[in-house]
Amino acid sequence: MVQSRPDQNDLERARQVRRVAVVLAATMVLWMGAQWLGGQLGLETRFVFLFDLAAIAAFVWAMLVTYQIWRGRRG
């Protein structure tokens, strides 16, 4: 059985998938840590809301990149 090497597009797609996975995992951990820390420090709601907005922005970015990856595989 002959194994072929992955082409450059497959390698780039794999990098994008890894990047999305890292961003999703890091966002969840940082967001949960920020929520806990905000509660411990008694931060005002408006400051804690900034953490929520940053997490939402990261999730939207991950969703857009995932959509691009999906479209790239179809085409």
C-alpha atoms as a PDB file:
ATOM      1  CA  MET A   1       0.000   0.000   0.000  1.00  0.00           C
ATOM      2  CA  VAL A   2       1.412   3.352  -1.036  1.00  0.00           C
ATOM      3  CA  GLN A   3       0.811   6.309   1.216  1.00  0.00           C
ATOM      4  CA  SER A   4       0.662   9.700  -0.387  1.00  0.00           C
ATOM      5  CA  ARG A   5       1.877  12.803   1.355  1.00  0.00           C
ATOM      6  CA  PRO A   6      -0.747  15.394   2.236  1.00  0.00           C
ATOM      7  CA  ASP A   7      -0.769  18.361  -0.080  1.00  0.00           C
ATOM      8  CA  GLN A   8      -0.237  21.952   1.038  1.00  0.00           C
ATOM      9  CA  ASN A   9      -3.989  22.652   1.244  1.00  0.00           C
ATOM     10  CA  ASP A  10      -4.506  19.757   3.651  1.00  0.00           C
ATOM     11  CA  LEU A  11      -1.653  20.952   5.856  1.00  0.00           C
ATOM     12  CA  GLU A  12      -3.001  24.503   5.942  1.00  0.00           C
ATOM     13  CA  ARG A  13      -6.494  23.232   6.742  1.00  0.00           C
ATOM     14  CA  ALA A  14      -5.078  21.145   9.605  1.00  0.00           C
ATOM     15  CA  ARG A  15      -3.307  24.246  10.981  1.00  0.00           C
ATOM     16  CA  GLN A  16      -6.557  26.201  10.855  1.00  0.00           C
ATOM     17  CA  VAL A  17      -8.452  23.423  12.633  1.00  0.00           C
ATOM     18  CA  ARG A  18      -5.803  23.285  15.384  1.00  0.00           C
ATOM     19  CA  ARG A  19      -5.893  27.070  15.744  1.00  0.00           C
ATOM     20  CA  VAL A  20      -9.694  27.032  16.116  1.00  0.00           C
ATOM     21  CA  ALA A  21      -9.497  24.231  18.698  1.00  0.00           C
ATOM     22  CA  VAL A  22      -6.916  26.108  20.763  1.00  0.00           C
ATOM     23  CA  VAL A  23      -8.910  29.344  20.617  1.00  0.00           C
ATOM     24  CA  LEU A  24     -12.105  27.574  21.703  1.00  0.00           C
ATOM     25  CA  ALA A  25     -10.432  25.763  24.604  1.00  0.00           C
ATOM     26  CA  ALA A  26      -8.493  28.818  25.773  1.00  0.00           C
ATOM     27  CA  THR A  27     -11.573  31.036  25.513  1.00  0.00           C
ATOM     28  CA  MET A  28     -13.624  28.718  27.697  1.00  0.00           C
ATOM     29  CA  VAL A  29     -10.916  28.400  30.346  1.00  0.00           C
ATOM     30  CA  LEU A  30     -10.164  32.139  30.399  1.00  0.00           C
ATOM     31  CA  TRP A  31     -13.835  33.076  30.408  1.00  0.00           C
ATOM     32  CA  MET A  32     -14.640  30.760  33.316  1.00  0.00           C
ATOM     33  CA  GLY A  33     -11.575  32.040  35.182  1.00  0.00           C
ATOM     34  CA  ALA A  34     -12.592  35.641  34.568  1.00  0.00           C
ATOM     35  CA  GLN A  35     -16.109  34.947  35.824  1.00  0.00           C
ATOM     36  CA  TRP A  36     -14.769  33.335  38.978  1.00  0.00           C
ATOM     37  CA  LEU A  37     -12.192  36.087  39.537  1.00  0.00           C
ATOM     38  CA  GLY A  38     -14.806  38.782  38.969  1.00  0.00           C
ATOM     39  CA  GLY A  39     -16.982  37.200  41.638  1.00  0.00           C
ATOM     40  CA  GLN A  40     -14.093  36.893  44.083  1.00  0.00           C
ATOM     41  CA  LEU A  41     -12.962  40.487  43.588  1.00  0.00           C
ATOM     42  CA  GLY A  42     -16.486  41.866  43.550  1.00  0.00           C
ATOM     43  CA  LEU A  43     -16.047  43.566  40.188  1.00  0.00           C
ATOM     44  CA  GLU A  44     -18.919  45.605  38.855  1.00  0.00           C
ATOM     45  CA  THR A  45     -21.198  43.926  36.359  1.00  0.00           C
ATOM     46  CA  ARG A  46     -20.126  46.227  33.540  1.00  0.00           C
ATOM     47  CA  PHE A  47     -16.515  45.037  33.852  1.00  0.00           C
ATOM     48  CA  VAL A  48     -17.477  41.376  33.997  1.00  0.00           C
ATOM     49  CA  PHE A  49     -19.650  41.982  30.917  1.00  0.00           C
ATOM     50  CA  LEU A  50     -16.470  42.905  29.001  1.00  0.00           C
ATOM     51  CA  PHE A  51     -15.194  39.357  29.597  1.00  0.00           C
ATOM     52  CA  ASP A  52     -18.448  38.056  28.139  1.00  0.00           C
ATOM     53  CA  LEU A  53     -18.079  40.240  25.047  1.00  0.00           C
ATOM     54  CA  ALA A  54     -14.489  39.102  24.517  1.00  0.00           C
ATOM     55  CA  ALA A  55     -15.578  35.460  24.773  1.00  0.00           C
ATOM     56  CA  ILE A  56     -18.436  36.032  22.328  1.00  0.00           C
ATOM     57  CA  ALA A  57     -16.010  37.667  19.887  1.00  0.00           C
ATOM     58  CA  ALA A  58     -13.676  34.670  20.103  1.00  0.00           C
ATOM     59  CA  PHE A  59     -16.561  32.253  19.551  1.00  0.00           C
ATOM     60  CA  VAL A  60     -17.821  34.220  16.548  1.00  0.00           C
ATOM     61  CA  TRP A  61     -14.298  34.230  15.085  1.00  0.00           C
ATOM     62  CA  ALA A  62     -14.033  30.452  15.609  1.00  0.00           C
ATOM     63  CA  MET A  63     -17.418  29.927  13.977  1.00  0.00           C
ATOM     64  CA  LEU A  64     -16.444  32.010  10.949  1.00  0.00           C
ATOM     65  CA  VAL A  65     -13.134  30.201  10.502  1.00  0.00           C
ATOM     66  CA  THR A  66     -14.865  26.839  10.911  1.00  0.00           C
ATOM     67  CA  TYR A  67     -17.348  27.856   8.217  1.00  0.00           C
ATOM     68  CA  GLN A  68     -14.453  28.836   5.919  1.00  0.00           C
ATOM     69  CA  ILE A  69     -12.794  25.472   6.533  1.00  0.00           C
ATOM     70  CA  TRP A  70     -16.043  23.670   5.764  1.00  0.00           C
ATOM     71  CA  ARG A  71     -16.553  25.690   2.559  1.00  0.00           C
ATOM     72  CA  GLY A  72     -12.965  25.036   1.529  1.00  0.00           C
ATOM     73  CA  ARG A  73     -13.397  21.294   1.847  1.00  0.00           C
ATOM     74  CA  ARG A  74     -16.525  21.334  -0.280  1.00  0.00           C
ATOM     75  CA  GLY A  75     -14.960  23.299  -3.090  1.00  0.00           C
END
